[in-house]
Amino acid sequence: METKHILVTGQVQGVGFRWSTTRLAKQLGITGTVKNLPSGQVAIMASGDPDQLATFIAQLRQGTTPWVVITDLDITDRPAHHFRDFRIII
């Protein structure tokens, strides 16, 4: 299992990005969190096997709803962490 911190930049707030990211993560068996940042970015902590994470990141890059516009994904490795599920942090 691996854990990634993904900082998402673009049109990602107010367009259903957190909700659609949560739905995608659950479909792929990814656990972790997603939250809006005051900067307008979204931070994701995602844990799963390498293939799951690669698929998750590839689908994030494509956008999770028609209104999402991703301009940058900054991905960093983090120590492996097991989350119970995937949830939105308010």
PDB file of N, CA and C in Angstrom:
ATOM      1  N   MET A   1       0.838  -1.183   0.000  1.00  0.00           N
ATOM      2  CA  MET A   1       0.000   0.000   0.000  1.00  0.00           C
ATOM      3  C   MET A   1       0.880   1.242   0.000  1.00  0.00           C
ATOM      4  N   GLU A   2       0.434   2.247  -0.731  1.00  0.00           N
ATOM      5  CA  GLU A   2       1.120   3.533  -0.797  1.00  0.00           C
ATOM      6  C   GLU A   2       0.145   4.637  -0.426  1.00  0.00           C
ATOM      7  N   THR A   3       0.702   5.761   0.004  1.00  0.00           N
ATOM      8  CA  THR A   3      -0.113   6.946   0.284  1.00  0.00           C
ATOM      9  C   THR A   3       0.486   8.115  -0.476  1.00  0.00           C
ATOM     10  N   LYS A   4      -0.377   8.872  -1.128  1.00  0.00           N
ATOM     11  CA  LYS A   4       0.031  10.046  -1.902  1.00  0.00           C
ATOM     12  C   LYS A   4      -0.712  11.276  -1.392  1.00  0.00           C
ATOM     13  N   HIS A   5      -0.006  12.404  -1.374  1.00  0.00           N
ATOM     14  CA  HIS A   5      -0.642  13.702  -1.149  1.00  0.00           C
ATOM     15  C   HIS A   5      -0.732  14.349  -2.522  1.00  0.00           C
ATOM     16  N   ILE A   6      -1.956  14.737  -2.896  1.00  0.00           N
ATOM     17  CA  ILE A   6      -2.188  15.312  -4.220  1.00  0.00           C
ATOM     18  C   ILE A   6      -2.771  16.706  -4.034  1.00  0.00           C
ATOM     19  N   LEU A   7      -2.043  17.697  -4.492  1.00  0.00           N
ATOM     20  CA  LEU A   7      -2.508  19.081  -4.431  1.00  0.00           C
ATOM     21  C   LEU A   7      -3.019  19.434  -5.824  1.00  0.00           C
ATOM     22  N   VAL A   8      -4.311  19.744  -5.911  1.00  0.00           N
ATOM     23  CA  VAL A   8      -4.974  19.962  -7.194  1.00  0.00           C
ATOM     24  C   VAL A   8      -5.221  21.452  -7.383  1.00  0.00           C
ATOM     25  N   THR A   9      -4.766  21.974  -8.519  1.00  0.00           N
ATOM     26  CA  THR A   9      -4.946  23.381  -8.860  1.00  0.00           C
ATOM     27  C   THR A   9      -5.801  23.475 -10.118  1.00  0.00           C
ATOM     28  N   GLY A  10      -6.657  24.468 -10.151  1.00  0.00           N
ATOM     29  CA  GLY A  10      -7.507  24.703 -11.306  1.00  0.00           C
ATOM     30  C   GLY A  10      -8.891  25.133 -10.862  1.00  0.00           C
ATOM     31  N   GLN A  11      -9.874  24.888 -11.699  1.00  0.00           N
ATOM     32  CA  GLN A  11     -11.261  25.178 -11.361  1.00  0.00           C
ATOM     33  C   GLN A  11     -11.800  23.942 -10.648  1.00  0.00           C
ATOM     34  N   VAL A  12     -11.579  23.890  -9.335  1.00  0.00           N
ATOM     35  CA  VAL A  12     -11.886  22.679  -8.569  1.00  0.00           C
ATOM     36  C   VAL A  12     -12.741  22.943  -7.329  1.00  0.00           C
ATOM     37  N   GLN A  13     -13.120  24.171  -7.099  1.00  0.00           N
ATOM     38  CA  GLN A  13     -14.013  24.463  -5.980  1.00  0.00           C
ATOM     39  C   GLN A  13     -15.333  24.981  -6.531  1.00  0.00           C
ATOM     40  N   GLY A  14     -16.425  24.500  -5.931  1.00  0.00           N
ATOM     41  CA  GLY A  14     -17.752  24.921  -6.353  1.00  0.00           C
ATOM     42  C   GLY A  14     -18.249  24.227  -7.617  1.00  0.00           C
ATOM     43  N   VAL A  15     -17.604  23.123  -7.990  1.00  0.00           N
ATOM     44  CA  VAL A  15     -17.976  22.411  -9.219  1.00  0.00           C
ATOM     45  C   VAL A  15     -18.207  20.911  -8.977  1.00  0.00           C
ATOM     46  N   GLY A  16     -18.373  20.507  -7.725  1.00  0.00           N
ATOM     47  CA  GLY A  16     -18.625  19.107  -7.399  1.00  0.00           C
ATOM     48  C   GLY A  16     -17.388  18.233  -7.382  1.00  0.00           C
ATOM     49  N   PHE A  17     -16.218  18.856  -7.336  1.00  0.00           N
ATOM     50  CA  PHE A  17     -14.971  18.076  -7.411  1.00  0.00           C
ATOM     51  C   PHE A  17     -14.780  17.157  -6.210  1.00  0.00           C
ATOM     52  N   ARG A  18     -15.000  17.662  -5.009  1.00  0.00           N
ATOM     53  CA  ARG A  18     -14.795  16.810  -3.821  1.00  0.00           C
ATOM     54  C   ARG A  18     -15.749  15.618  -3.837  1.00  0.00           C
ATOM     55  N   TRP A  19     -17.011  15.880  -4.183  1.00  0.00           N
ATOM     56  CA  TRP A  19     -17.999  14.805  -4.215  1.00  0.00           C
ATOM     57  C   TRP A  19     -17.626  13.762  -5.270  1.00  0.00           C
ATOM     58  N   SER A  20     -17.289  14.214  -6.468  1.00  0.00           N
ATOM     59  CA  SER A  20     -16.963  13.277  -7.546  1.00  0.00           C
ATOM     60  C   SER A  20     -15.643  12.548  -7.281  1.00  0.00           C
ATOM     61  N   THR A  21     -14.711  13.208  -6.602  1.00  0.00           N
ATOM     62  CA  THR A  21     -13.455  12.557  -6.222  1.00  0.00           C
ATOM     63  C   THR A  21     -13.722  11.450  -5.211  1.00  0.00           C
ATOM     64  N   THR A  22     -14.614  11.721  -4.275  1.00  0.00           N
ATOM     65  CA  THR A  22     -14.988  10.714  -3.272  1.00  0.00           C
ATOM     66  C   THR A  22     -15.633   9.511  -3.951  1.00  0.00           C
ATOM     67  N   ARG A  23     -16.534   9.764  -4.882  1.00  0.00           N
ATOM     68  CA  ARG A  23     -17.199   8.676  -5.601  1.00  0.00           C
ATOM     69  C   ARG A  23     -16.178   7.833  -6.375  1.00  0.00           C
ATOM     70  N   LEU A  24     -15.253   8.494  -7.069  1.00  0.00           N
ATOM     71  CA  LEU A  24     -14.215   7.791  -7.822  1.00  0.00           C
ATOM     72  C   LEU A  24     -13.337   6.953  -6.896  1.00  0.00           C
ATOM     73  N   ALA A  25     -12.907   7.548  -5.787  1.00  0.00           N
ATOM     74  CA  ALA A  25     -12.049   6.829  -4.840  1.00  0.00           C
ATOM     75  C   ALA A  25     -12.741   5.569  -4.327  1.00  0.00           C
ATOM     76  N   LYS A  26     -14.005   5.686  -3.976  1.00  0.00           N
ATOM     77  CA  LYS A  26     -14.737   4.522  -3.468  1.00  0.00           C
ATOM     78  C   LYS A  26     -14.879   3.453  -4.543  1.00  0.00           C
ATOM     79  N   GLN A  27     -15.097   3.842  -5.793  1.00  0.00           N
ATOM     80  CA  GLN A  27     -15.196   2.878  -6.891  1.00  0.00           C
ATOM     81  C   GLN A  27     -13.892   2.102  -7.073  1.00  0.00           C
ATOM     82  N   LEU A  28     -12.767   2.780  -6.840  1.00  0.00           N
ATOM     83  CA  LEU A  28     -11.454   2.166  -7.060  1.00  0.00           C
ATOM     84  C   LEU A  28     -10.872   1.504  -5.813  1.00  0.00           C
ATOM     85  N   GLY A  29     -11.548   1.639  -4.675  1.00  0.00           N
ATOM     86  CA  GLY A  29     -11.026   1.057  -3.437  1.00  0.00           C
ATOM     87  C   GLY A  29      -9.942   1.891  -2.781  1.00  0.00           C
ATOM     88  N   ILE A  30      -9.914   3.187  -3.086  1.00  0.00           N
ATOM     89  CA  ILE A  30      -8.950   4.114  -2.493  1.00  0.00           C
ATOM     90  C   ILE A  30      -9.532   4.646  -1.182  1.00  0.00           C
ATOM     91  N   THR A  31      -8.690   4.777  -0.168  1.00  0.00           N
ATOM     92  CA  THR A  31      -9.114   5.402   1.084  1.00  0.00           C
ATOM     93  C   THR A  31      -8.361   6.708   1.265  1.00  0.00           C
ATOM     94  N   GLY A  32      -8.911   7.613   2.084  1.00  0.00           N
ATOM     95  CA  GLY A  32      -8.228   8.872   2.348  1.00  0.00           C
ATOM     96  C   GLY A  32      -9.192  10.011   2.579  1.00  0.00           C
ATOM     97  N   THR A  33      -8.749  11.223   2.199  1.00  0.00           N
ATOM     98  CA  THR A  33      -9.539  12.427   2.440  1.00  0.00           C
ATOM     99  C   THR A  33      -9.385  13.403   1.278  1.00  0.00           C
ATOM    100  N   VAL A  34     -10.354  14.316   1.180  1.00  0.00           N
ATOM    101  CA  VAL A  34     -10.294  15.409   0.209  1.00  0.00           C
ATOM    102  C   VAL A  34     -10.842  16.654   0.903  1.00  0.00           C
ATOM    103  N   LYS A  35     -10.158  17.793   0.699  1.00  0.00           N
ATOM    104  CA  LYS A  35     -10.651  19.022   1.324  1.00  0.00           C
ATOM    105  C   LYS A  35     -10.268  20.244   0.501  1.00  0.00           C
ATOM    106  N   ASN A  36     -11.146  21.246   0.553  1.00  0.00           N
ATOM    107  CA  ASN A  36     -10.862  22.535  -0.064  1.00  0.00           C
ATOM    108  C   ASN A  36      -9.846  23.290   0.781  1.00  0.00           C
ATOM    109  N   LEU A  37      -8.986  24.054   0.126  1.00  0.00           N
ATOM    110  CA  LEU A  37      -8.015  24.900   0.812  1.00  0.00           C
ATOM    111  C   LEU A  37      -8.373  26.365   0.567  1.00  0.00           C
ATOM    112  N   PRO A  38      -8.012  27.256   1.492  1.00  0.00           N
ATOM    113  CA  PRO A  38      -8.303  28.683   1.302  1.00  0.00           C
ATOM    114  C   PRO A  38      -7.692  29.256   0.023  1.00  0.00           C
ATOM    115  N   SER A  39      -6.643  28.633  -0.491  1.00  0.00           N
ATOM    116  CA  SER A  39      -5.957  29.098  -1.706  1.00  0.00           C
ATOM    117  C   SER A  39      -6.771  28.858  -2.976  1.00  0.00           C
ATOM    118  N   GLY A  40      -7.866  28.085  -2.875  1.00  0.00           N
ATOM    119  CA  GLY A  40      -8.641  27.707  -4.044  1.00  0.00           C
ATOM    120  C   GLY A  40      -8.252  26.341  -4.585  1.00  0.00           C
ATOM    121  N   GLN A  41      -7.212  25.753  -4.014  1.00  0.00           N
ATOM    122  CA  GLN A  41      -6.782  24.414  -4.396  1.00  0.00           C
ATOM    123  C   GLN A  41      -7.559  23.385  -3.582  1.00  0.00           C
ATOM    124  N   VAL A  42      -7.391  22.119  -3.950  1.00  0.00           N
ATOM    125  CA  VAL A  42      -7.970  21.012  -3.204  1.00  0.00           C
ATOM    126  C   VAL A  42      -6.836  20.066  -2.838  1.00  0.00           C
ATOM    127  N   ALA A  43      -6.827  19.608  -1.575  1.00  0.00           N
ATOM    128  CA  ALA A  43      -5.819  18.664  -1.099  1.00  0.00           C
ATOM    129  C   ALA A  43      -6.448  17.287  -0.943  1.00  0.00           C
ATOM    130  N   ILE A  44      -5.768  16.283  -1.481  1.00  0.00           N
ATOM    131  CA  ILE A  44      -6.226  14.899  -1.386  1.00  0.00           C
ATOM    132  C   ILE A  44      -5.124  14.069  -0.734  1.00  0.00           C
ATOM    133  N   MET A  45      -5.494  13.266   0.243  1.00  0.00           N
ATOM    134  CA  MET A  45      -4.623  12.212   0.768  1.00  0.00           C
ATOM    135  C   MET A  45      -5.253  10.914   0.296  1.00  0.00           C
ATOM    136  N   ALA A  46      -4.496  10.095  -0.424  1.00  0.00           N
ATOM    137  CA  ALA A  46      -5.054   8.882  -1.016  1.00  0.00           C
ATOM    138  C   ALA A  46      -4.147   7.693  -0.736  1.00  0.00           C
ATOM    139  N   SER A  47      -4.755   6.601  -0.255  1.00  0.00           N
ATOM    140  CA  SER A  47      -4.013   5.367   0.016  1.00  0.00           C
ATOM    141  C   SER A  47      -4.625   4.220  -0.778  1.00  0.00           C
ATOM    142  N   GLY A  48      -3.753   3.387  -1.307  1.00  0.00           N
ATOM    143  CA  GLY A  48      -4.195   2.214  -2.054  1.00  0.00           C
ATOM    144  C   GLY A  48      -2.992   1.520  -2.651  1.00  0.00           C
ATOM    145  N   ASP A  49      -3.253   0.479  -3.433  1.00  0.00           N
ATOM    146  CA  ASP A  49      -2.108  -0.174  -4.073  1.00  0.00           C
ATOM    147  C   ASP A  49      -1.666   0.685  -5.261  1.00  0.00           C
ATOM    148  N   PRO A  50      -0.444   0.497  -5.738  1.00  0.00           N
ATOM    149  CA  PRO A  50       0.087   1.359  -6.795  1.00  0.00           C
ATOM    150  C   PRO A  50      -0.787   1.428  -8.057  1.00  0.00           C
ATOM    151  N   ASP A  51      -1.369   0.304  -8.468  1.00  0.00           N
ATOM    152  CA  ASP A  51      -2.213   0.320  -9.667  1.00  0.00           C
ATOM    153  C   ASP A  51      -3.489   1.127  -9.436  1.00  0.00           C
ATOM    154  N   GLN A  52      -4.094   0.976  -8.262  1.00  0.00           N
ATOM    155  CA  GLN A  52      -5.295   1.750  -7.930  1.00  0.00           C
ATOM    156  C   GLN A  52      -4.984   3.243  -7.957  1.00  0.00           C
ATOM    157  N   LEU A  53      -3.871   3.610  -7.332  1.00  0.00           N
ATOM    158  CA  LEU A  53      -3.497   5.023  -7.271  1.00  0.00           C
ATOM    159  C   LEU A  53      -3.187   5.582  -8.656  1.00  0.00           C
ATOM    160  N   ALA A  54      -2.533   4.808  -9.493  1.00  0.00           N
ATOM    161  CA  ALA A  54      -2.227   5.272 -10.854  1.00  0.00           C
ATOM    162  C   ALA A  54      -3.520   5.535 -11.630  1.00  0.00           C
ATOM    163  N   THR A  55      -4.487   4.648 -11.498  1.00  0.00           N
ATOM    164  CA  THR A  55      -5.777   4.830 -12.162  1.00  0.00           C
ATOM    165  C   THR A  55      -6.502   6.050 -11.601  1.00  0.00           C
ATOM    166  N   PHE A  56      -6.490   6.194 -10.285  1.00  0.00           N
ATOM    167  CA  PHE A  56      -7.123   7.333  -9.609  1.00  0.00           C
ATOM    168  C   PHE A  56      -6.538   8.650 -10.117  1.00  0.00           C
ATOM    169  N   ILE A  57      -5.211   8.742 -10.146  1.00  0.00           N
ATOM    170  CA  ILE A  57      -4.536   9.968 -10.578  1.00  0.00           C
ATOM    171  C   ILE A  57      -4.820  10.245 -12.054  1.00  0.00           C
ATOM    172  N   ALA A  58      -4.792   9.215 -12.884  1.00  0.00           N
ATOM    173  CA  ALA A  58      -5.083   9.395 -14.316  1.00  0.00           C
ATOM    174  C   ALA A  58      -6.495   9.934 -14.517  1.00  0.00           C
ATOM    175  N   GLN A  59      -7.450   9.421 -13.761  1.00  0.00           N
ATOM    176  CA  GLN A  59      -8.825   9.888 -13.904  1.00  0.00           C
ATOM    177  C   GLN A  59      -9.013  11.284 -13.320  1.00  0.00           C
ATOM    178  N   LEU A  60      -8.264  11.618 -12.274  1.00  0.00           N
ATOM    179  CA  LEU A  60      -8.308  12.989 -11.756  1.00  0.00           C
ATOM    180  C   LEU A  60      -7.826  13.967 -12.821  1.00  0.00           C
ATOM    181  N   ARG A  61      -6.748  13.622 -13.513  1.00  0.00           N
ATOM    182  CA  ARG A  61      -6.183  14.501 -14.548  1.00  0.00           C
ATOM    183  C   ARG A  61      -7.206  14.810 -15.648  1.00  0.00           C
ATOM    184  N   GLN A  62      -8.076  13.853 -15.930  1.00  0.00           N
ATOM    185  CA  GLN A  62      -9.095  14.039 -16.967  1.00  0.00           C
ATOM    186  C   GLN A  62     -10.251  14.906 -16.480  1.00  0.00           C
ATOM    187  N   GLY A  63     -10.363  15.073 -15.174  1.00  0.00           N
ATOM    188  CA  GLY A  63     -11.481  15.818 -14.598  1.00  0.00           C
ATOM    189  C   GLY A  63     -12.584  14.865 -14.208  1.00  0.00           C
ATOM    190  N   THR A  64     -13.193  15.110 -13.083  1.00  0.00           N
ATOM    191  CA  THR A  64     -14.188  14.180 -12.554  1.00  0.00           C
ATOM    192  C   THR A  64     -15.617  14.612 -12.852  1.00  0.00           C
ATOM    193  N   THR A  65     -15.805  15.835 -13.313  1.00  0.00           N
ATOM    194  CA  THR A  65     -17.106  16.307 -13.794  1.00  0.00           C
ATOM    195  C   THR A  65     -16.821  17.225 -14.985  1.00  0.00           C
ATOM    196  N   PRO A  66     -17.819  17.525 -15.792  1.00  0.00           N
ATOM    197  CA  PRO A  66     -17.581  18.410 -16.944  1.00  0.00           C
ATOM    198  C   PRO A  66     -17.134  19.821 -16.556  1.00  0.00           C
ATOM    199  N   TRP A  67     -17.397  20.236 -15.328  1.00  0.00           N
ATOM    200  CA  TRP A  67     -17.083  21.597 -14.894  1.00  0.00           C
ATOM    201  C   TRP A  67     -15.699  21.729 -14.278  1.00  0.00           C
ATOM    202  N   VAL A  68     -15.053  20.606 -13.994  1.00  0.00           N
ATOM    203  CA  VAL A  68     -13.722  20.615 -13.385  1.00  0.00           C
ATOM    204  C   VAL A  68     -12.678  20.893 -14.470  1.00  0.00           C
ATOM    205  N   VAL A  69     -11.759  21.822 -14.169  1.00  0.00           N
ATOM    206  CA  VAL A  69     -10.630  22.089 -15.055  1.00  0.00           C
ATOM    207  C   VAL A  69      -9.363  22.006 -14.204  1.00  0.00           C
ATOM    208  N   ILE A  70      -8.589  20.956 -14.419  1.00  0.00           N
ATOM    209  CA  ILE A  70      -7.351  20.741 -13.670  1.00  0.00           C
ATOM    210  C   ILE A  70      -6.205  21.404 -14.438  1.00  0.00           C
ATOM    211  N   THR A  71      -5.470  22.304 -13.770  1.00  0.00           N
ATOM    212  CA  THR A  71      -4.304  22.901 -14.413  1.00  0.00           C
ATOM    213  C   THR A  71      -3.004  22.302 -13.888  1.00  0.00           C
ATOM    214  N   ASP A  72      -3.036  21.712 -12.670  1.00  0.00           N
ATOM    215  CA  ASP A  72      -1.826  21.112 -12.122  1.00  0.00           C
ATOM    216  C   ASP A  72      -2.180  20.121 -11.025  1.00  0.00           C
ATOM    217  N   LEU A  73      -1.431  19.010 -10.998  1.00  0.00           N
ATOM    218  CA  LEU A  73      -1.479  18.053  -9.896  1.00  0.00           C
ATOM    219  C   LEU A  73      -0.067  17.952  -9.342  1.00  0.00           C
ATOM    220  N   ASP A  74       0.111  18.307  -8.085  1.00  0.00           N
ATOM    221  CA  ASP A  74       1.406  18.168  -7.428  1.00  0.00           C
ATOM    222  C   ASP A  74       1.295  16.947  -6.519  1.00  0.00           C
ATOM    223  N   ILE A  75       2.013  15.890  -6.868  1.00  0.00           N
ATOM    224  CA  ILE A  75       1.877  14.610  -6.183  1.00  0.00           C
ATOM    225  C   ILE A  75       3.148  14.307  -5.409  1.00  0.00           C
ATOM    226  N   THR A  76       2.998  14.037  -4.110  1.00  0.00           N
ATOM    227  CA  THR A  76       4.142  13.661  -3.282  1.00  0.00           C
ATOM    228  C   THR A  76       3.828  12.378  -2.518  1.00  0.00           C
ATOM    229  N   ASP A  77       4.848  11.552  -2.363  1.00  0.00           N
ATOM    230  CA  ASP A  77       4.709  10.335  -1.571  1.00  0.00           C
ATOM    231  C   ASP A  77       4.659  10.695  -0.098  1.00  0.00           C
ATOM    232  N   ARG A  78       3.879   9.978   0.637  1.00  0.00           N
ATOM    233  CA  ARG A  78       3.785  10.116   2.085  1.00  0.00           C
ATOM    234  C   ARG A  78       3.962   8.733   2.706  1.00  0.00           C
ATOM    235  N   PRO A  79       4.294   8.676   3.993  1.00  0.00           N
ATOM    236  CA  PRO A  79       4.356   7.361   4.637  1.00  0.00           C
ATOM    237  C   PRO A  79       3.007   6.656   4.511  1.00  0.00           C
ATOM    238  N   ALA A  80       3.040   5.356   4.278  1.00  0.00           N
ATOM    239  CA  ALA A  80       1.795   4.596   4.114  1.00  0.00           C
ATOM    240  C   ALA A  80       0.893   4.803   5.321  1.00  0.00           C
ATOM    241  N   HIS A  81      -0.365   5.064   5.044  1.00  0.00           N
ATOM    242  CA  HIS A  81      -1.351   5.289   6.097  1.00  0.00           C
ATOM    243  C   HIS A  81      -2.643   4.593   5.698  1.00  0.00           C
ATOM    244  N   HIS A  82      -3.235   3.879   6.622  1.00  0.00           N
ATOM    245  CA  HIS A  82      -4.508   3.206   6.331  1.00  0.00           C
ATOM    246  C   HIS A  82      -5.657   4.040   6.882  1.00  0.00           C
ATOM    247  N   PHE A  83      -6.468   4.566   5.987  1.00  0.00           N
ATOM    248  CA  PHE A  83      -7.696   5.269   6.365  1.00  0.00           C
ATOM    249  C   PHE A  83      -8.831   4.243   6.363  1.00  0.00           C
ATOM    250  N   ARG A  84      -9.865   4.474   7.159  1.00  0.00           N
ATOM    251  CA  ARG A  84     -10.996   3.542   7.185  1.00  0.00           C
ATOM    252  C   ARG A  84     -11.839   3.623   5.919  1.00  0.00           C
ATOM    253  N   ASP A  85     -11.916   4.816   5.333  1.00  0.00           N
ATOM    254  CA  ASP A  85     -12.725   5.026   4.136  1.00  0.00           C
ATOM    255  C   ASP A  85     -12.205   6.268   3.427  1.00  0.00           C
ATOM    256  N   PHE A  86     -12.963   6.768   2.485  1.00  0.00           N
ATOM    257  CA  PHE A  86     -12.611   8.017   1.813  1.00  0.00           C
ATOM    258  C   PHE A  86     -13.694   9.022   2.132  1.00  0.00           C
ATOM    259  N   ARG A  87     -13.285  10.184   2.645  1.00  0.00           N
ATOM    260  CA  ARG A  87     -14.294  11.153   3.048  1.00  0.00           C
ATOM    261  C   ARG A  87     -13.867  12.587   2.782  1.00  0.00           C
ATOM    262  N   ILE A  88     -14.884  13.433   2.681  1.00  0.00           N
ATOM    263  CA  ILE A  88     -14.688  14.861   2.516  1.00  0.00           C
ATOM    264  C   ILE A  88     -14.462  15.486   3.881  1.00  0.00           C
ATOM    265  N   ILE A  89     -13.448  16.309   3.993  1.00  0.00           N
ATOM    266  CA  ILE A  89     -13.194  17.080   5.202  1.00  0.00           C
ATOM    267  C   ILE A  89     -13.747  18.473   4.964  1.00  0.00           C
ATOM    268  N   ILE A  90     -14.633  18.906   5.820  1.00  0.00           N
ATOM    269  CA  ILE A  90     -15.256  20.236   5.680  1.00  0.00           C
ATOM    270  C   ILE A  90     -14.377  21.274   6.347  1.00  0.00           C
TER     271      ILE A  90
END
